[in-house]
Amino acid sequence: MQEARLMIVEQSTGATSRETVDWHSIDWKKAHKIVDRLQARIVQATKAGKRNKVKALQRILTHSFSGKALAVKRVTENQGKNTPGVDKILWNTPEKKAMAVQELQSRGYTAQPLRRMYLPKPNGKQRPLGIPTMKDRGMQALYLQALDPIAETQADTHSYGFRKERSCADAITQCYRVLFREDMPTWILEGDIKSCFDTISHNWLLTHIPMEESILEKWLKAGYMEKSVWHASEDGTPQGGIISPVLANMTLDGLEKLLREKYPTKGPGGNKGRRSKVHMVRYADDFIITGSSQKLLEKEVKPLVIGFLQERGLELSQEKTKITHIADGFDFLGQNIRKYNGLLLTRPSKKNVKAFLKDIRVRIDSPAQSQNTGMGKLLPARRVQQNLCPRRLGHQQSTMAMGKAAAPQERHPLDPEAVLLPNRGPKLVLLRYSKSKRWSSHPKSAVRSSQNTNSQVHKDQRGM
């Protein structure tokens, strides 16, 4: 009886049929609506603690025609669409894309090895990059649709890396909120995880990631090809896979909750927690933890972080992890945050300014056929600078390096009259996966009219 009901649900959500698929005739609006509705139900079941229902909904989504079509659409329209894997196959025609939708089947699926590439790092070293095949990318995009709602629901409140509707500017803004007042914490633990993506424990991932274990194991154990030689992968998740950032985020989620349990600000032990002034801001594998004293961070917080990471096969980098006073300043996400005579300033770090100016010089010195062509080469670099620099608080200092005016406030994508406030909390999950009129269901505290935004920001700056 349950199998019969499941088959009916799959058909109603657009399960893949054996008929030939016409890529241009796919109703993308309907496909998005079906996937959004299933993701909203996954969020609701996750919050209610109904694990069996979550698994059933994930299975429906990963076997639906809409989910498969959107997965193929994603991998054939991103920046890596022209980069093949070890099989040298690309999905670059409507016929191949339509065939790929039917090929995304879990039964009989085997992941192929990654194609190993290396990208130069600023310190002169090379970052290994694993390029999956198009089919493996499509399968990862498909299962990511069913995993992402759970990851967003269970994510740390102040985690900003590789998440929708969050950016570096949000992380820098949270740092400002934590540090700008005189009674705020004065010591910062700058955490850096050594080779985070490459050393995550496979056993931990297979035990704790809520998705089909057999599929995840095939991706983790696929290995990689380098100079026509296959190499096994014992640990880590490949940098280059679509699902890898979410897996890394889910591995690190829980650290903020652990700190909040040890240093609560409300209820029993609230006085101790408020005196400790422990706050955490994380962007992917880079994070900072504030504290009231250097001893607190060194003797209590740091051992707690080390124990949390060891369970997941990770460790802190002894070279890059350090404890700094706010008067000396620290670099975080390309910005230098420092207090000058009680005033907190956020400016681009010297290291990033030098790298940015070097890139500008290379673009200017490169031969150009015309002035327009030369100026066009500067636009991507300027766009990167705008994305990295905070655009809300302290953005005047960030844009000063380029000699430009301050960037405008960030407007609401669906309501030009509304302005997004810096504080974006976990309630955004309900917004993103609601069934209909997703933005209108957001609480008024997160989206307000533009006439009230300026007064709110001034209140934050005065510490009210």
Protein backbone atom coordinates (compact mmCIF):
# COMPACT_ATOMS: atom_id res chain seq x y z
CA MET A 1 0.00 0.00 0.00
CA GLN A 2 2.82 2.39 0.88
CA GLU A 3 4.65 1.54 -2.35
CA ALA A 4 1.50 2.29 -4.34
CA ARG A 5 1.09 5.68 -2.69
CA LEU A 6 4.78 6.42 -3.30
CA MET A 7 4.42 5.62 -7.01
CA ILE A 8 1.44 7.96 -7.25
CA VAL A 9 3.41 10.77 -5.59
CA GLU A 10 6.36 10.23 -7.93
CA GLN A 11 4.09 10.48 -10.95
CA SER A 12 2.50 13.66 -9.60
CA THR A 13 5.94 15.24 -9.10
CA GLY A 14 7.10 14.44 -12.58
CA ALA A 15 8.94 11.13 -12.32
CA THR A 16 11.11 10.28 -15.30
CA SER A 17 9.39 8.29 -18.02
CA ARG A 18 10.85 6.18 -20.80
CA GLU A 19 9.58 8.55 -23.45
CA THR A 20 12.03 10.72 -25.38
CA VAL A 21 12.67 14.06 -23.70
CA ASP A 22 12.55 17.28 -25.73
CA TRP A 23 14.91 19.67 -23.96
CA HIS A 24 13.28 22.82 -25.36
CA SER A 25 9.78 21.72 -24.36
CA ILE A 26 10.52 21.34 -20.63
CA ASP A 27 8.36 23.60 -18.48
CA TRP A 28 11.07 25.09 -16.25
CA LYS A 29 8.64 27.17 -14.19
CA LYS A 30 6.70 24.04 -13.28
CA ALA A 31 9.93 22.14 -12.57
CA HIS A 32 11.12 24.81 -10.14
CA LYS A 33 7.72 24.83 -8.45
CA ILE A 34 7.76 21.05 -7.93
CA VAL A 35 11.31 21.03 -6.53
CA ASP A 36 10.61 24.02 -4.27
CA ARG A 37 7.52 22.33 -2.86
CA LEU A 38 9.43 19.13 -2.10
CA GLN A 39 12.27 21.07 -0.50
CA ALA A 40 9.80 22.94 1.70
CA ARG A 41 8.35 19.63 2.86
CA ILE A 42 11.86 18.33 3.61
CA VAL A 43 12.50 21.38 5.81
CA GLN A 44 9.24 20.85 7.69
CA ALA A 45 9.94 17.14 8.22
CA THR A 46 13.50 17.89 9.38
CA LYS A 47 12.30 20.37 11.98
CA ALA A 48 9.67 17.91 13.17
CA GLY A 49 12.32 15.19 13.56
CA LYS A 50 10.58 12.81 11.13
CA ARG A 51 13.60 11.05 9.66
CA ASN A 52 11.68 8.42 7.71
CA LYS A 53 9.56 11.08 6.06
CA VAL A 54 12.70 13.04 5.19
CA LYS A 55 14.19 9.98 3.50
CA ALA A 56 10.95 9.34 1.58
CA LEU A 57 10.80 12.94 0.35
CA GLN A 58 14.48 12.85 -0.64
CA ARG A 59 13.86 9.70 -2.66
CA ILE A 60 10.90 11.29 -4.42
CA LEU A 61 12.97 14.36 -5.29
CA THR A 62 16.02 12.46 -6.55
CA HIS A 63 13.80 10.22 -8.73
CA SER A 64 11.62 13.00 -10.13
CA PHE A 65 11.90 14.27 -13.68
CA SER A 66 11.90 17.90 -12.48
CA GLY A 67 14.84 17.32 -10.14
CA LYS A 68 16.87 15.59 -12.84
CA ALA A 69 16.11 18.24 -15.45
CA LEU A 70 17.17 21.05 -13.11
CA ALA A 71 20.34 19.15 -12.16
CA VAL A 72 21.33 18.85 -15.83
CA LYS A 73 20.44 22.49 -16.39
CA ARG A 74 22.71 23.56 -13.56
CA VAL A 75 25.81 21.67 -14.67
CA THR A 76 25.39 22.75 -18.31
CA GLU A 77 25.01 26.45 -17.55
CA ASN A 78 27.69 27.10 -14.91
CA GLN A 79 31.29 28.19 -15.47
CA GLY A 80 32.58 24.63 -15.70
CA LYS A 81 30.21 23.56 -18.47
CA ASN A 82 33.09 23.38 -21.00
CA THR A 83 35.49 21.50 -18.69
CA PRO A 84 35.25 17.73 -19.21
CA GLY A 85 36.21 14.98 -16.79
CA VAL A 86 38.35 11.92 -17.44
CA ASP A 87 35.88 10.65 -20.08
CA LYS A 88 36.19 13.87 -22.17
CA ILE A 89 32.38 14.04 -22.51
CA LEU A 90 30.45 17.33 -22.57
CA TRP A 91 26.71 17.95 -22.55
CA ASN A 92 26.78 20.82 -25.02
CA THR A 93 23.77 20.13 -27.25
CA PRO A 94 20.03 19.92 -26.51
CA GLU A 95 20.03 16.27 -27.57
CA LYS A 96 22.84 15.38 -25.16
CA LYS A 97 21.15 17.29 -22.34
CA ALA A 98 17.86 15.47 -22.95
CA MET A 99 19.68 12.13 -22.95
CA ALA A 100 21.49 13.09 -19.74
CA VAL A 101 18.17 13.59 -17.93
CA GLN A 102 17.30 9.95 -18.59
CA GLU A 103 20.80 8.75 -17.64
CA LEU A 104 20.66 10.12 -14.10
CA GLN A 105 19.68 6.85 -12.46
CA SER A 106 20.87 5.58 -9.09
CA ARG A 107 20.48 1.93 -10.13
CA GLY A 108 23.74 0.70 -11.64
CA TYR A 109 25.45 4.06 -11.12
CA THR A 110 29.23 4.06 -10.65
CA ALA A 111 31.27 7.19 -10.04
CA GLN A 112 34.34 7.67 -12.25
CA PRO A 113 37.71 8.98 -11.00
CA LEU A 114 38.32 12.71 -10.86
CA ARG A 115 40.61 14.53 -13.24
CA ARG A 116 43.34 16.10 -11.12
CA MET A 117 44.31 19.71 -11.79
CA TYR A 118 46.32 22.24 -9.77
CA LEU A 119 45.64 25.91 -9.14
CA PRO A 120 48.37 28.30 -7.91
CA LYS A 121 47.96 29.69 -4.38
CA PRO A 122 49.14 33.13 -3.21
CA ASN A 123 51.86 31.56 -1.04
CA GLY A 124 53.44 29.85 -4.04
CA LYS A 125 51.97 26.41 -3.35
CA GLN A 126 49.38 24.64 -5.49
CA ARG A 127 45.81 23.75 -4.59
CA PRO A 128 44.67 20.33 -5.90
CA LEU A 129 41.39 20.39 -7.79
CA GLY A 130 39.35 17.34 -8.78
CA ILE A 131 37.15 17.61 -11.87
CA PRO A 132 34.28 15.06 -11.94
CA THR A 133 32.71 13.86 -15.16
CA MET A 134 29.52 15.51 -16.40
CA LYS A 135 27.42 12.57 -15.24
CA ASP A 136 28.96 12.63 -11.77
CA ARG A 137 28.36 16.39 -11.61
CA GLY A 138 24.76 15.84 -12.62
CA MET A 139 24.25 13.20 -9.92
CA GLN A 140 25.83 15.48 -7.31
CA ALA A 141 23.59 18.38 -8.35
CA LEU A 142 20.56 16.09 -8.17
CA TYR A 143 21.27 14.80 -4.67
CA LEU A 144 22.32 18.28 -3.55
CA GLN A 145 18.75 19.45 -4.14
CA ALA A 146 17.60 16.95 -1.51
CA LEU A 147 20.49 17.61 0.89
CA ASP A 148 20.63 21.41 0.80
CA PRO A 149 17.31 21.99 2.66
CA ILE A 150 18.57 19.86 5.56
CA ALA A 151 21.96 21.59 5.55
CA GLU A 152 20.32 25.03 5.67
CA THR A 153 17.96 24.00 8.45
CA GLN A 154 20.72 22.61 10.66
CA ALA A 155 23.42 25.17 9.79
CA ASP A 156 25.10 27.38 12.36
CA THR A 157 23.50 30.81 12.70
CA HIS A 158 26.66 32.73 11.87
CA SER A 159 27.99 30.54 9.08
CA TYR A 160 28.23 32.52 5.83
CA GLY A 161 30.37 30.55 3.36
CA PHE A 162 28.88 28.66 0.38
CA ARG A 163 25.31 29.44 1.42
CA LYS A 164 22.51 31.05 -0.55
CA GLU A 165 21.72 34.67 0.21
CA ARG A 166 24.92 35.03 2.29
CA SER A 167 28.28 36.52 1.42
CA CYS A 168 31.62 37.79 2.75
CA ALA A 169 29.98 41.15 3.43
CA ASP A 170 27.52 39.50 5.82
CA ALA A 171 30.37 37.85 7.75
CA ILE A 172 32.28 41.16 8.01
CA THR A 173 29.10 42.91 9.16
CA GLN A 174 28.63 40.31 11.91
CA CYS A 175 32.21 40.94 13.02
CA TYR A 176 31.35 44.62 13.28
CA ARG A 177 28.27 43.88 15.37
CA VAL A 178 30.30 41.74 17.77
CA LEU A 179 33.26 44.11 18.18
CA PHE A 180 32.20 47.73 17.62
CA ARG A 181 31.19 48.77 21.17
CA GLU A 182 33.58 49.57 24.00
CA ASP A 183 32.26 46.76 26.22
CA MET A 184 32.71 44.20 23.45
CA PRO A 185 35.37 41.41 23.48
CA THR A 186 38.95 42.46 22.90
CA TRP A 187 40.67 39.15 22.07
CA ILE A 188 40.19 37.14 18.88
CA LEU A 189 41.14 33.56 18.04
CA GLU A 190 41.89 33.41 14.32
CA GLY A 191 41.18 29.82 13.32
CA ASP A 192 42.49 28.15 10.20
CA ILE A 193 41.85 24.46 9.46
CA LYS A 194 44.73 22.62 7.84
CA SER A 195 43.71 21.22 4.41
CA CYS A 196 40.06 21.12 5.38
CA PHE A 197 38.60 19.64 2.19
CA ASP A 198 41.38 17.06 1.84
CA THR A 199 41.32 15.61 5.36
CA ILE A 200 37.65 15.23 6.34
CA SER A 201 37.07 11.72 7.65
CA HIS A 202 35.12 9.51 5.24
CA ASN A 203 33.71 7.49 8.12
CA TRP A 204 32.33 10.61 9.76
CA LEU A 205 30.72 11.76 6.50
CA LEU A 206 29.12 8.37 5.82
CA THR A 207 27.76 8.24 9.38
CA HIS A 208 26.42 11.78 9.75
CA ILE A 209 25.47 13.11 6.30
CA PRO A 210 21.70 12.50 5.80
CA MET A 211 21.70 11.14 2.25
CA GLU A 212 21.89 7.79 0.47
CA GLU A 213 25.06 6.26 1.90
CA SER A 214 25.91 4.09 -1.11
CA ILE A 215 25.89 7.08 -3.49
CA LEU A 216 28.00 9.22 -1.15
CA GLU A 217 30.53 6.41 -0.70
CA LYS A 218 30.96 6.07 -4.45
CA TRP A 219 31.87 9.74 -4.73
CA LEU A 220 34.27 9.65 -1.81
CA LYS A 221 36.05 6.46 -2.90
CA ALA A 222 36.23 7.25 -6.63
CA GLY A 223 39.87 8.38 -6.44
CA TYR A 224 41.52 10.57 -9.07
CA MET A 225 43.59 10.28 -12.25
CA GLU A 226 46.90 12.08 -12.53
CA LYS A 227 49.21 11.50 -15.51
CA SER A 228 47.15 8.45 -16.51
CA VAL A 229 47.67 6.85 -13.07
CA TRP A 230 44.78 6.14 -10.68
CA HIS A 231 45.23 7.21 -7.06
CA ALA A 232 42.97 6.18 -4.20
CA SER A 233 41.34 8.78 -1.93
CA GLU A 234 41.28 7.71 1.71
CA ASP A 235 40.10 10.99 3.25
CA GLY A 236 38.55 14.29 2.25
CA THR A 237 36.00 15.49 -0.24
CA PRO A 238 37.28 16.70 -3.63
CA GLN A 239 37.61 20.43 -4.26
CA GLY A 240 35.75 20.88 -7.52
CA GLY A 241 32.67 18.78 -6.82
CA ILE A 242 29.32 20.57 -6.71
CA ILE A 243 28.33 18.94 -3.42
CA SER A 244 31.73 19.35 -1.69
CA PRO A 245 31.11 22.83 -0.17
CA VAL A 246 27.86 21.63 1.44
CA LEU A 247 29.59 18.54 2.83
CA ALA A 248 32.35 20.71 4.32
CA ASN A 249 29.81 23.09 5.84
CA MET A 250 27.82 20.24 7.39
CA THR A 251 31.06 18.84 8.83
CA LEU A 252 31.82 22.11 10.63
CA ASP A 253 28.23 22.88 11.66
CA GLY A 254 27.74 22.36 15.37
CA LEU A 255 30.83 24.18 16.59
CA GLU A 256 28.89 27.38 17.28
CA LYS A 257 26.23 25.39 19.14
CA LEU A 258 28.95 23.70 21.21
CA LEU A 259 30.39 27.08 22.20
CA ARG A 260 26.93 28.42 23.03
CA GLU A 261 26.23 25.44 25.29
CA LYS A 262 29.48 25.97 27.20
CA TYR A 263 29.09 29.75 27.35
CA PRO A 264 25.32 30.43 27.38
CA THR A 265 24.07 34.01 27.48
CA LYS A 266 20.63 33.09 28.87
CA GLY A 267 19.34 30.79 31.58
CA PRO A 268 21.60 28.94 34.05
CA GLY A 269 25.21 30.02 33.64
CA GLY A 270 24.18 33.08 31.65
CA ASN A 271 26.32 35.43 33.73
CA LYS A 272 29.45 33.39 33.00
CA GLY A 273 28.61 33.28 29.32
CA ARG A 274 28.06 37.02 29.10
CA ARG A 275 31.33 37.73 30.92
CA SER A 276 33.27 35.41 28.60
CA LYS A 277 32.00 37.31 25.51
CA VAL A 278 32.46 34.26 23.29
CA HIS A 279 31.12 34.74 19.75
CA MET A 280 31.88 32.90 16.54
CA VAL A 281 31.80 34.00 12.89
CA ARG A 282 32.60 31.43 10.21
CA TYR A 283 33.01 31.55 6.45
CA ALA A 284 33.57 28.01 5.12
CA ASP A 285 36.75 26.78 6.87
CA ASP A 286 37.89 30.25 8.04
CA PHE A 287 36.53 31.43 11.37
CA ILE A 288 37.13 33.75 14.29
CA ILE A 289 36.12 33.29 17.93
CA THR A 290 36.08 36.26 20.28
CA GLY A 291 36.74 36.19 24.02
CA SER A 292 37.18 38.44 27.03
CA SER A 293 40.78 37.37 27.67
CA GLN A 294 43.71 35.68 26.00
CA LYS A 295 43.78 33.02 28.73
CA LEU A 296 40.15 32.10 28.10
CA LEU A 297 40.77 31.54 24.40
CA GLU A 298 44.04 29.69 24.92
CA LYS A 299 43.09 27.42 27.83
CA GLU A 300 39.36 26.78 27.29
CA VAL A 301 38.10 27.69 23.82
CA LYS A 302 41.00 26.42 21.70
CA PRO A 303 41.07 22.90 23.29
CA LEU A 304 37.31 22.71 22.76
CA VAL A 305 37.74 23.53 19.06
CA ILE A 306 40.60 21.03 18.69
CA GLY A 307 38.48 18.24 20.17
CA PHE A 308 35.55 19.10 17.89
CA LEU A 309 37.77 18.96 14.80
CA GLN A 310 39.56 15.74 15.79
CA GLU A 311 36.27 13.84 15.75
CA ARG A 312 35.97 14.80 12.08
CA GLY A 313 39.58 14.05 11.13
CA LEU A 314 40.55 17.73 11.03
CA GLU A 315 43.14 19.81 12.84
CA LEU A 316 44.05 23.46 13.27
CA SER A 317 47.00 24.90 11.39
CA GLN A 318 49.63 25.76 13.99
CA GLU A 319 51.17 28.38 11.70
CA LYS A 320 48.02 30.32 10.82
CA THR A 321 45.99 29.89 14.02
CA LYS A 322 46.77 32.68 16.48
CA ILE A 323 45.24 34.85 19.22
CA THR A 324 45.24 38.61 18.57
CA HIS A 325 44.19 41.72 20.46
CA ILE A 326 41.68 43.93 18.69
CA ALA A 327 44.04 46.91 19.03
CA ASP A 328 46.57 45.05 16.86
CA GLY A 329 43.90 44.06 14.35
CA PHE A 330 43.39 40.87 12.38
CA ASP A 331 42.78 39.86 8.77
CA PHE A 332 39.57 38.04 7.91
CA LEU A 333 38.17 37.38 4.43
CA GLY A 334 40.46 39.91 2.81
CA GLN A 335 39.61 42.66 5.33
CA ASN A 336 41.63 44.08 8.21
CA ILE A 337 39.51 44.72 11.31
CA ARG A 338 41.10 46.86 14.02
CA LYS A 339 40.16 49.30 16.75
CA TYR A 340 41.78 52.74 16.72
CA ASN A 341 41.19 54.65 19.96
CA GLY A 342 37.89 52.89 20.52
CA LEU A 343 36.73 53.21 16.88
CA LEU A 344 36.38 49.97 14.93
CA LEU A 345 37.50 50.27 11.30
CA THR A 346 37.24 47.72 8.52
CA ARG A 347 39.65 48.17 5.64
CA PRO A 348 41.03 45.96 2.88
CA SER A 349 44.05 44.02 4.13
CA LYS A 350 47.45 45.07 2.84
CA LYS A 351 48.00 41.65 1.34
CA ASN A 352 44.81 41.83 -0.72
CA VAL A 353 45.41 45.42 -1.79
CA LYS A 354 48.85 44.50 -3.12
CA ALA A 355 47.44 41.47 -4.97
CA PHE A 356 44.59 43.55 -6.40
CA LEU A 357 46.88 46.35 -7.62
CA LYS A 358 49.23 43.78 -9.12
CA ASP A 359 46.32 42.29 -11.04
CA ILE A 360 45.31 45.77 -12.26
CA ARG A 361 48.86 46.46 -13.49
CA VAL A 362 48.94 43.16 -15.38
CA ARG A 363 45.62 43.97 -17.06
CA ILE A 364 46.71 47.51 -17.97
CA ASP A 365 50.10 46.42 -19.32
CA SER A 366 48.59 43.67 -21.45
CA PRO A 367 48.28 44.62 -25.15
CA ALA A 368 44.80 45.86 -26.09
CA GLN A 369 43.46 46.65 -29.52
CA SER A 370 41.50 49.67 -28.34
CA GLN A 371 40.83 51.74 -25.25
CA ASN A 372 37.43 50.13 -24.79
CA THR A 373 38.98 46.68 -24.82
CA GLY A 374 41.53 47.71 -22.19
CA MET A 375 38.90 49.21 -19.89
CA GLY A 376 36.77 46.13 -20.35
CA LYS A 377 39.55 44.04 -18.86
CA LEU A 378 39.38 46.12 -15.66
CA LEU A 379 35.69 45.47 -15.05
CA PRO A 380 36.07 41.86 -13.79
CA ALA A 381 38.73 42.96 -11.30
CA ARG A 382 36.56 45.84 -10.09
CA ARG A 383 33.62 43.45 -9.75
CA VAL A 384 35.71 41.11 -7.57
CA GLN A 385 36.74 44.04 -5.37
CA GLN A 386 33.12 45.08 -4.91
CA ASN A 387 32.10 41.54 -3.93
CA LEU A 388 34.89 41.15 -1.38
CA CYS A 389 34.53 44.54 0.32
CA PRO A 390 31.66 45.03 2.78
CA ARG A 391 28.88 47.18 1.36
CA ARG A 392 26.99 48.11 4.48
CA LEU A 393 29.06 49.24 7.48
CA GLY A 394 32.53 50.64 6.98
CA HIS A 395 32.24 50.43 3.20
CA GLN A 396 33.72 53.92 2.77
CA GLN A 397 37.14 52.62 3.83
CA SER A 398 36.83 49.62 1.50
CA THR A 399 36.03 51.65 -1.60
CA MET A 400 38.63 54.31 -0.72
CA ALA A 401 41.38 52.02 -2.03
CA MET A 402 39.87 52.25 -5.53
CA GLY A 403 39.06 55.95 -5.32
CA LYS A 404 35.37 55.28 -5.93
CA ALA A 405 32.20 56.39 -4.18
CA ALA A 406 30.63 54.14 -1.57
CA ALA A 407 28.59 51.27 -2.94
CA PRO A 408 24.80 51.60 -2.71
CA GLN A 409 22.67 49.72 -0.23
CA GLU A 410 21.67 46.22 -1.25
CA ARG A 411 18.17 46.18 -2.69
CA HIS A 412 15.61 43.44 -2.35
CA PRO A 413 15.64 41.25 -5.53
CA LEU A 414 11.85 41.13 -5.77
CA ASP A 415 10.90 44.46 -4.18
CA PRO A 416 12.95 47.49 -5.36
CA GLU A 417 11.46 49.65 -2.59
CA ALA A 418 12.81 47.38 0.17
CA VAL A 419 16.35 47.20 1.51
CA LEU A 420 18.01 44.13 3.02
CA LEU A 421 19.33 44.65 6.53
CA PRO A 422 22.75 43.22 7.48
CA ASN A 423 21.41 40.72 10.00
CA ARG A 424 20.27 37.57 8.22
CA GLY A 425 19.36 34.85 10.64
CA PRO A 426 18.17 31.25 10.41
CA LYS A 427 14.58 32.39 9.72
CA LEU A 428 15.70 32.81 6.10
CA VAL A 429 15.32 29.04 5.75
CA LEU A 430 11.54 29.34 6.00
CA LEU A 431 11.67 32.06 3.41
CA ARG A 432 13.73 30.12 0.91
CA TYR A 433 11.74 26.90 1.03
CA SER A 434 8.20 28.18 1.62
CA LYS A 435 5.55 26.89 -0.75
CA SER A 436 4.27 30.11 -2.30
CA LYS A 437 5.21 33.81 -2.28
CA ARG A 438 8.46 32.97 -0.57
CA TRP A 439 9.63 36.52 0.03
CA SER A 440 6.30 37.76 1.35
CA SER A 441 6.36 35.20 4.18
CA HIS A 442 9.58 36.63 5.60
CA PRO A 443 9.18 38.36 9.00
CA LYS A 444 9.17 42.16 9.02
CA SER A 445 12.29 42.20 11.18
CA ALA A 446 14.44 41.02 8.26
CA VAL A 447 12.98 43.02 5.33
CA ARG A 448 11.94 46.59 5.98
CA SER A 449 11.17 49.65 3.97
CA SER A 450 14.07 51.81 2.87
CA GLN A 451 12.91 54.77 4.97
CA ASN A 452 13.39 52.80 8.23
CA THR A 453 16.72 51.16 7.33
CA ASN A 454 18.99 54.16 7.81
CA SER A 455 17.71 54.84 11.33
CA GLN A 456 18.23 51.18 12.27
CA VAL A 457 21.85 51.21 11.07
CA HIS A 458 22.55 54.43 13.02
CA LYS A 459 21.12 52.80 16.15
CA ASP A 460 23.47 49.82 15.70
CA GLN A 461 26.44 52.15 15.32
CA ARG A 462 25.58 54.01 18.53
CA GLY A 463 25.17 50.70 20.39
CA MET A 464 21.46 51.14 21.09
